[in-house]
N, C-alpha and C. Protein backbone atom coordinates (compact mmCIF):
# COMPACT_ATOMS: atom_id res chain seq x y z
N UNK A 1 229.62 -107.32 -81.82
CA UNK A 1 228.83 -107.31 -80.60
C UNK A 1 228.54 -108.75 -80.16
N UNK A 2 228.54 -108.94 -78.84
CA UNK A 2 228.23 -110.26 -78.33
C UNK A 2 226.71 -110.46 -78.21
N UNK A 3 226.29 -111.69 -77.94
CA UNK A 3 224.86 -112.02 -77.89
C UNK A 3 224.12 -111.26 -76.80
N UNK A 4 224.76 -111.04 -75.66
CA UNK A 4 224.11 -110.33 -74.56
C UNK A 4 223.81 -108.90 -74.95
N UNK A 5 224.77 -108.23 -75.57
CA UNK A 5 224.57 -106.84 -76.00
C UNK A 5 223.46 -106.76 -77.03
N UNK A 6 223.45 -107.69 -77.98
CA UNK A 6 222.40 -107.69 -79.00
C UNK A 6 221.04 -107.93 -78.36
N UNK A 7 220.97 -108.84 -77.38
CA UNK A 7 219.70 -109.12 -76.70
C UNK A 7 219.21 -107.90 -75.93
N UNK A 8 220.11 -107.21 -75.25
CA UNK A 8 219.72 -106.02 -74.48
C UNK A 8 219.25 -104.91 -75.43
N UNK A 9 219.99 -104.68 -76.51
CA UNK A 9 219.60 -103.66 -77.47
C UNK A 9 218.26 -104.00 -78.13
N UNK A 10 218.06 -105.27 -78.44
CA UNK A 10 216.79 -105.69 -79.03
C UNK A 10 215.63 -105.48 -78.07
N UNK A 11 215.83 -105.81 -76.80
CA UNK A 11 214.78 -105.60 -75.80
C UNK A 11 214.50 -104.12 -75.62
N UNK A 12 215.54 -103.30 -75.63
CA UNK A 12 215.37 -101.86 -75.48
C UNK A 12 214.61 -101.28 -76.68
N UNK A 13 214.98 -101.69 -77.88
CA UNK A 13 214.29 -101.22 -79.08
C UNK A 13 212.83 -101.67 -79.08
N UNK A 14 212.59 -102.88 -78.65
CA UNK A 14 211.23 -103.39 -78.56
C UNK A 14 210.40 -102.56 -77.59
N UNK A 15 210.98 -102.23 -76.44
CA UNK A 15 210.28 -101.42 -75.45
C UNK A 15 209.96 -100.03 -75.99
N UNK A 16 210.90 -99.45 -76.71
CA UNK A 16 210.68 -98.12 -77.30
C UNK A 16 209.55 -98.17 -78.32
N UNK A 17 209.59 -99.17 -79.19
CA UNK A 17 208.55 -99.29 -80.21
C UNK A 17 207.18 -99.53 -79.58
N UNK A 18 207.13 -100.34 -78.53
CA UNK A 18 205.87 -100.58 -77.83
C UNK A 18 205.38 -99.29 -77.18
N UNK A 19 206.30 -98.54 -76.61
CA UNK A 19 205.93 -97.31 -75.91
C UNK A 19 205.36 -96.26 -76.85
N UNK A 20 205.84 -96.18 -78.07
CA UNK A 20 205.31 -95.19 -79.00
C UNK A 20 204.09 -95.69 -79.75
N UNK A 21 203.84 -96.97 -79.71
CA UNK A 21 202.71 -97.56 -80.43
C UNK A 21 201.38 -97.01 -79.93
N UNK A 22 201.15 -97.01 -78.63
CA UNK A 22 199.85 -96.62 -78.09
C UNK A 22 199.57 -95.13 -78.31
N UNK A 23 200.51 -94.22 -78.04
CA UNK A 23 200.21 -92.80 -78.32
C UNK A 23 199.91 -92.53 -79.80
N UNK A 24 200.69 -93.15 -80.69
CA UNK A 24 200.42 -92.95 -82.11
C UNK A 24 199.08 -93.55 -82.51
N UNK A 25 198.76 -94.72 -81.95
CA UNK A 25 197.47 -95.34 -82.24
C UNK A 25 196.33 -94.47 -81.74
N UNK A 26 196.52 -93.83 -80.59
CA UNK A 26 195.49 -92.94 -80.04
C UNK A 26 195.29 -91.73 -80.95
N UNK A 27 196.36 -91.16 -81.42
CA UNK A 27 196.28 -89.99 -82.31
C UNK A 27 195.65 -90.39 -83.65
N UNK A 28 196.15 -91.45 -84.25
CA UNK A 28 195.65 -91.87 -85.55
C UNK A 28 194.24 -92.44 -85.48
N UNK A 29 193.84 -92.87 -84.27
CA UNK A 29 192.49 -93.42 -84.09
C UNK A 29 191.40 -92.41 -84.41
N UNK A 30 191.73 -91.13 -84.39
CA UNK A 30 190.77 -90.10 -84.76
C UNK A 30 190.49 -90.09 -86.26
N UNK A 31 191.39 -90.68 -87.05
CA UNK A 31 191.28 -90.64 -88.50
C UNK A 31 191.09 -92.00 -89.14
N UNK A 32 191.44 -93.06 -88.42
CA UNK A 32 191.40 -94.41 -88.98
C UNK A 32 190.52 -95.29 -88.09
N UNK A 33 189.64 -96.11 -88.68
CA UNK A 33 188.81 -97.00 -87.86
C UNK A 33 189.66 -97.96 -87.02
N UNK A 34 189.12 -98.36 -85.87
CA UNK A 34 189.86 -99.18 -84.91
C UNK A 34 190.37 -100.48 -85.51
N UNK A 35 189.55 -101.15 -86.28
CA UNK A 35 189.95 -102.44 -86.86
C UNK A 35 191.08 -102.24 -87.86
N UNK A 36 191.00 -101.20 -88.67
CA UNK A 36 192.07 -100.91 -89.63
C UNK A 36 193.35 -100.58 -88.89
N UNK A 37 193.23 -99.80 -87.81
CA UNK A 37 194.41 -99.44 -87.02
C UNK A 37 195.07 -100.68 -86.44
N UNK A 38 194.27 -101.60 -85.92
CA UNK A 38 194.82 -102.85 -85.40
C UNK A 38 195.54 -103.64 -86.48
N UNK A 39 194.95 -103.67 -87.67
CA UNK A 39 195.60 -104.36 -88.79
C UNK A 39 196.91 -103.71 -89.17
N UNK A 40 196.95 -102.39 -89.15
CA UNK A 40 198.20 -101.68 -89.46
C UNK A 40 199.28 -101.98 -88.43
N UNK A 41 198.88 -102.05 -87.15
CA UNK A 41 199.86 -102.37 -86.11
C UNK A 41 200.44 -103.77 -86.32
N UNK A 42 199.59 -104.72 -86.66
CA UNK A 42 200.08 -106.08 -86.90
C UNK A 42 200.89 -106.16 -88.18
N UNK A 43 200.54 -105.37 -89.18
CA UNK A 43 201.34 -105.32 -90.40
C UNK A 43 202.75 -104.83 -90.08
N UNK A 44 202.84 -103.80 -89.25
CA UNK A 44 204.15 -103.30 -88.83
C UNK A 44 204.94 -104.33 -88.05
N UNK A 45 204.25 -105.05 -87.16
CA UNK A 45 204.93 -106.10 -86.40
C UNK A 45 205.40 -107.22 -87.32
N UNK A 46 204.57 -107.56 -88.30
CA UNK A 46 204.96 -108.60 -89.26
C UNK A 46 206.17 -108.20 -90.08
N UNK A 47 206.22 -106.94 -90.50
CA UNK A 47 207.38 -106.46 -91.25
C UNK A 47 208.64 -106.49 -90.39
N UNK A 48 208.48 -106.13 -89.11
CA UNK A 48 209.62 -106.19 -88.20
C UNK A 48 210.13 -107.62 -88.04
N UNK A 49 209.21 -108.56 -87.91
CA UNK A 49 209.63 -109.97 -87.79
C UNK A 49 210.26 -110.47 -89.08
N UNK A 50 209.77 -110.02 -90.22
CA UNK A 50 210.36 -110.40 -91.49
C UNK A 50 211.81 -109.92 -91.58
N UNK A 51 212.03 -108.70 -91.13
CA UNK A 51 213.40 -108.15 -91.13
C UNK A 51 214.30 -108.99 -90.21
N UNK A 52 213.80 -109.32 -89.01
CA UNK A 52 214.64 -110.10 -88.09
C UNK A 52 214.91 -111.50 -88.62
N UNK A 53 214.00 -112.03 -89.44
CA UNK A 53 214.23 -113.35 -90.03
C UNK A 53 215.47 -113.32 -90.92
N UNK A 54 215.64 -112.23 -91.66
CA UNK A 54 216.79 -112.13 -92.55
C UNK A 54 218.07 -111.76 -91.80
N UNK A 55 217.94 -111.07 -90.70
CA UNK A 55 219.10 -110.60 -89.94
C UNK A 55 219.55 -111.65 -88.93
N UNK A 56 218.64 -112.47 -88.47
CA UNK A 56 218.89 -113.42 -87.38
C UNK A 56 220.04 -114.36 -87.69
N UNK A 57 220.85 -114.56 -86.65
CA UNK A 57 221.96 -115.49 -86.76
C UNK A 57 221.78 -116.58 -85.71
N UNK A 58 222.41 -117.70 -85.92
CA UNK A 58 222.33 -118.77 -84.93
C UNK A 58 221.55 -119.95 -85.45
N UNK A 59 221.23 -120.85 -84.54
CA UNK A 59 220.55 -122.09 -84.93
C UNK A 59 219.08 -121.83 -85.22
N UNK A 60 218.51 -122.59 -86.16
CA UNK A 60 217.10 -122.41 -86.47
C UNK A 60 216.22 -122.91 -85.32
N UNK A 61 215.03 -122.36 -85.22
CA UNK A 61 214.12 -122.79 -84.18
C UNK A 61 213.46 -124.10 -84.57
N UNK A 62 212.90 -124.77 -83.58
CA UNK A 62 212.21 -126.02 -83.84
C UNK A 62 210.97 -125.76 -84.68
N UNK A 63 210.66 -126.71 -85.55
CA UNK A 63 209.47 -126.59 -86.38
C UNK A 63 208.22 -126.87 -85.55
N UNK A 64 207.12 -126.29 -85.93
CA UNK A 64 205.86 -126.56 -85.27
C UNK A 64 205.36 -127.94 -85.66
N UNK A 65 204.68 -128.59 -84.74
CA UNK A 65 204.12 -129.91 -84.99
C UNK A 65 202.60 -129.85 -84.88
N UNK A 66 201.92 -130.96 -85.20
CA UNK A 66 200.47 -131.00 -85.07
C UNK A 66 200.03 -130.80 -83.63
N UNK A 67 200.88 -131.18 -82.69
CA UNK A 67 200.58 -131.00 -81.27
C UNK A 67 200.49 -129.51 -80.90
N UNK A 68 201.17 -128.66 -81.66
CA UNK A 68 201.19 -127.23 -81.38
C UNK A 68 199.99 -126.47 -81.96
N UNK A 69 199.21 -127.11 -82.83
CA UNK A 69 198.11 -126.41 -83.51
C UNK A 69 197.09 -125.81 -82.55
N UNK A 70 196.62 -126.53 -81.52
CA UNK A 70 195.65 -125.89 -80.61
C UNK A 70 196.24 -124.67 -79.90
N UNK A 71 197.48 -124.75 -79.49
CA UNK A 71 198.12 -123.63 -78.81
C UNK A 71 198.28 -122.43 -79.75
N UNK A 72 198.75 -122.70 -80.96
CA UNK A 72 198.94 -121.62 -81.92
C UNK A 72 197.60 -121.01 -82.34
N UNK A 73 196.57 -121.83 -82.44
CA UNK A 73 195.23 -121.31 -82.75
C UNK A 73 194.77 -120.38 -81.63
N UNK A 74 195.02 -120.76 -80.39
CA UNK A 74 194.67 -119.91 -79.25
C UNK A 74 195.44 -118.61 -79.28
N UNK A 75 196.72 -118.68 -79.61
CA UNK A 75 197.54 -117.47 -79.68
C UNK A 75 197.01 -116.52 -80.75
N UNK A 76 196.69 -117.06 -81.92
CA UNK A 76 196.18 -116.22 -83.01
C UNK A 76 194.85 -115.59 -82.60
N UNK A 77 193.94 -116.39 -82.05
CA UNK A 77 192.64 -115.87 -81.63
C UNK A 77 192.79 -114.78 -80.57
N UNK A 78 193.61 -115.05 -79.55
CA UNK A 78 193.78 -114.07 -78.48
C UNK A 78 194.49 -112.82 -78.96
N UNK A 79 195.43 -112.95 -79.89
CA UNK A 79 196.11 -111.77 -80.44
C UNK A 79 195.13 -110.88 -81.21
N UNK A 80 194.26 -111.51 -81.99
CA UNK A 80 193.27 -110.73 -82.74
C UNK A 80 192.33 -110.04 -81.76
N UNK A 81 191.85 -110.78 -80.77
CA UNK A 81 190.95 -110.19 -79.77
C UNK A 81 191.65 -109.06 -79.02
N UNK A 82 192.90 -109.27 -78.65
CA UNK A 82 193.64 -108.27 -77.88
C UNK A 82 193.79 -106.97 -78.65
N UNK A 83 194.18 -107.04 -79.92
CA UNK A 83 194.40 -105.80 -80.67
C UNK A 83 193.08 -105.09 -80.93
N UNK A 84 192.01 -105.85 -81.18
CA UNK A 84 190.71 -105.21 -81.39
C UNK A 84 190.24 -104.52 -80.11
N UNK A 85 190.38 -105.20 -78.98
CA UNK A 85 189.98 -104.60 -77.71
C UNK A 85 190.84 -103.39 -77.38
N UNK A 86 192.14 -103.46 -77.67
CA UNK A 86 193.02 -102.32 -77.44
C UNK A 86 192.59 -101.12 -78.27
N UNK A 87 192.32 -101.34 -79.54
CA UNK A 87 191.95 -100.23 -80.41
C UNK A 87 190.59 -99.64 -80.01
N UNK A 88 189.62 -100.49 -79.68
CA UNK A 88 188.33 -99.96 -79.23
C UNK A 88 188.48 -99.24 -77.89
N UNK A 89 189.33 -99.77 -77.01
CA UNK A 89 189.57 -99.11 -75.73
C UNK A 89 190.23 -97.75 -75.91
N UNK A 90 191.20 -97.67 -76.81
CA UNK A 90 191.88 -96.40 -77.07
C UNK A 90 190.91 -95.36 -77.63
N UNK A 91 189.97 -95.84 -78.42
CA UNK A 91 189.00 -94.92 -79.01
C UNK A 91 188.05 -94.35 -77.96
N UNK A 92 187.90 -95.04 -76.84
CA UNK A 92 186.91 -94.64 -75.84
C UNK A 92 187.50 -94.24 -74.49
N UNK A 93 188.77 -93.92 -74.44
CA UNK A 93 189.39 -93.51 -73.18
C UNK A 93 190.30 -92.32 -73.42
N UNK A 94 190.74 -91.74 -72.33
CA UNK A 94 191.67 -90.61 -72.45
C UNK A 94 193.09 -91.12 -72.66
N UNK A 95 193.93 -90.24 -73.14
CA UNK A 95 195.33 -90.62 -73.34
C UNK A 95 196.03 -90.99 -72.04
N UNK A 96 195.69 -90.29 -70.96
CA UNK A 96 196.30 -90.57 -69.66
C UNK A 96 195.94 -91.97 -69.17
N UNK A 97 194.66 -92.33 -69.29
CA UNK A 97 194.25 -93.68 -68.88
C UNK A 97 194.91 -94.74 -69.73
N UNK A 98 195.00 -94.49 -71.02
CA UNK A 98 195.63 -95.45 -71.92
C UNK A 98 197.11 -95.64 -71.56
N UNK A 99 197.79 -94.55 -71.22
CA UNK A 99 199.20 -94.65 -70.84
C UNK A 99 199.39 -95.44 -69.56
N UNK A 100 198.52 -95.19 -68.58
CA UNK A 100 198.62 -95.94 -67.32
C UNK A 100 198.38 -97.43 -67.53
N UNK A 101 197.35 -97.76 -68.29
CA UNK A 101 197.06 -99.17 -68.54
C UNK A 101 198.15 -99.81 -69.40
N UNK A 102 198.68 -99.07 -70.35
CA UNK A 102 199.76 -99.60 -71.18
C UNK A 102 201.01 -99.90 -70.36
N UNK A 103 201.32 -99.04 -69.40
CA UNK A 103 202.48 -99.26 -68.54
C UNK A 103 202.26 -100.44 -67.59
N UNK A 104 201.02 -100.70 -67.23
CA UNK A 104 200.72 -101.81 -66.32
C UNK A 104 200.78 -103.16 -67.04
N UNK A 105 200.85 -103.14 -68.37
CA UNK A 105 200.88 -104.38 -69.15
C UNK A 105 202.03 -105.28 -68.75
N UNK A 106 203.18 -104.72 -68.43
CA UNK A 106 204.34 -105.51 -68.01
C UNK A 106 204.01 -106.32 -66.76
N UNK A 107 203.44 -105.67 -65.77
CA UNK A 107 203.10 -106.36 -64.53
C UNK A 107 202.04 -107.43 -64.78
N UNK A 108 201.02 -107.10 -65.55
CA UNK A 108 199.95 -108.06 -65.82
C UNK A 108 200.47 -109.28 -66.58
N UNK A 109 201.35 -109.06 -67.54
CA UNK A 109 201.91 -110.17 -68.30
C UNK A 109 202.76 -111.06 -67.41
N UNK A 110 203.55 -110.47 -66.55
CA UNK A 110 204.39 -111.25 -65.64
C UNK A 110 203.55 -112.06 -64.67
N UNK A 111 202.52 -111.45 -64.13
CA UNK A 111 201.63 -112.17 -63.20
C UNK A 111 200.96 -113.33 -63.92
N UNK A 112 200.48 -113.11 -65.13
CA UNK A 112 199.84 -114.19 -65.91
C UNK A 112 200.84 -115.30 -66.20
N UNK A 113 202.07 -114.95 -66.58
CA UNK A 113 203.09 -115.96 -66.87
C UNK A 113 203.40 -116.80 -65.64
N UNK A 114 203.41 -116.16 -64.48
CA UNK A 114 203.69 -116.88 -63.23
C UNK A 114 202.57 -117.87 -62.90
N UNK A 115 201.33 -117.38 -62.92
CA UNK A 115 200.21 -118.23 -62.51
C UNK A 115 199.79 -119.23 -63.58
N UNK A 116 199.78 -118.84 -64.83
CA UNK A 116 199.29 -119.72 -65.89
C UNK A 116 200.37 -120.67 -66.38
N UNK A 117 201.58 -120.15 -66.62
CA UNK A 117 202.64 -120.96 -67.23
C UNK A 117 203.72 -121.39 -66.25
N UNK A 118 203.55 -121.05 -64.97
CA UNK A 118 204.50 -121.44 -63.92
C UNK A 118 205.92 -120.96 -64.20
N UNK A 119 206.02 -119.76 -64.78
CA UNK A 119 207.33 -119.16 -65.05
C UNK A 119 208.01 -118.76 -63.75
N UNK A 120 209.33 -118.80 -63.75
CA UNK A 120 210.10 -118.38 -62.59
C UNK A 120 210.07 -116.86 -62.48
N UNK A 121 209.81 -116.36 -61.29
CA UNK A 121 209.82 -114.92 -61.03
C UNK A 121 210.75 -114.67 -59.86
N UNK A 122 211.81 -113.89 -60.10
CA UNK A 122 212.79 -113.61 -59.06
C UNK A 122 212.23 -112.63 -58.03
N UNK A 123 212.90 -112.54 -56.90
CA UNK A 123 212.49 -111.60 -55.86
C UNK A 123 212.55 -110.16 -56.37
N UNK A 124 213.56 -109.86 -57.14
CA UNK A 124 213.71 -108.52 -57.69
C UNK A 124 212.53 -108.18 -58.61
N UNK A 125 212.11 -109.15 -59.41
CA UNK A 125 210.98 -108.92 -60.30
C UNK A 125 209.68 -108.79 -59.52
N UNK A 126 209.52 -109.55 -58.45
CA UNK A 126 208.34 -109.42 -57.60
C UNK A 126 208.27 -108.00 -57.03
N UNK A 127 209.39 -107.49 -56.54
CA UNK A 127 209.41 -106.12 -56.01
C UNK A 127 209.10 -105.10 -57.10
N UNK A 128 209.62 -105.34 -58.29
CA UNK A 128 209.34 -104.42 -59.41
C UNK A 128 207.85 -104.41 -59.72
N UNK A 129 207.23 -105.57 -59.74
CA UNK A 129 205.79 -105.65 -60.02
C UNK A 129 205.00 -104.96 -58.92
N UNK A 130 205.40 -105.16 -57.67
CA UNK A 130 204.71 -104.50 -56.55
C UNK A 130 204.83 -102.98 -56.69
N UNK A 131 206.02 -102.48 -57.00
CA UNK A 131 206.22 -101.04 -57.13
C UNK A 131 205.44 -100.48 -58.32
N UNK A 132 205.41 -101.20 -59.43
CA UNK A 132 204.65 -100.76 -60.60
C UNK A 132 203.17 -100.69 -60.24
N UNK A 133 202.67 -101.72 -59.56
CA UNK A 133 201.27 -101.77 -59.18
C UNK A 133 200.91 -100.63 -58.23
N UNK A 134 201.75 -100.39 -57.23
CA UNK A 134 201.49 -99.30 -56.28
C UNK A 134 201.51 -97.95 -57.02
N UNK A 135 202.48 -97.77 -57.92
CA UNK A 135 202.57 -96.53 -58.68
C UNK A 135 201.31 -96.32 -59.53
N UNK A 136 200.80 -97.36 -60.12
CA UNK A 136 199.59 -97.24 -60.94
C UNK A 136 198.37 -96.95 -60.08
N UNK A 137 198.33 -97.49 -58.88
CA UNK A 137 197.21 -97.23 -57.99
C UNK A 137 197.21 -95.78 -57.51
N UNK A 138 198.41 -95.23 -57.31
CA UNK A 138 198.52 -93.84 -56.86
C UNK A 138 198.06 -92.93 -57.98
């Protein structure tokens, strides 16, 4: 398989795993405390990354430097806050609301990347975000 095919399959698998994460978390949230559930989700993500580390081919990534410490600290803090808020939100909302908000995550992430990190957003992606937003509003 070429790199493009592997990238597409990886993105598709990632989307599938993300899509099943919230419904399973909602169901299991009835039996497992929110914080434990968040920890289990991150444990699963960590195991997935460990597997990709062994499977990954190509050049190694750049090492982190002292300059990266504030950014990485922010990422760790925000990731912990995000999973805790997600788990508490799932515990206090309906499955339908959770699904709608989970689907809107793509649009919200893209908008944040555009405004905060000045990422390039194509016209096609802008239209996709507009359609996703309108669909969620309906």
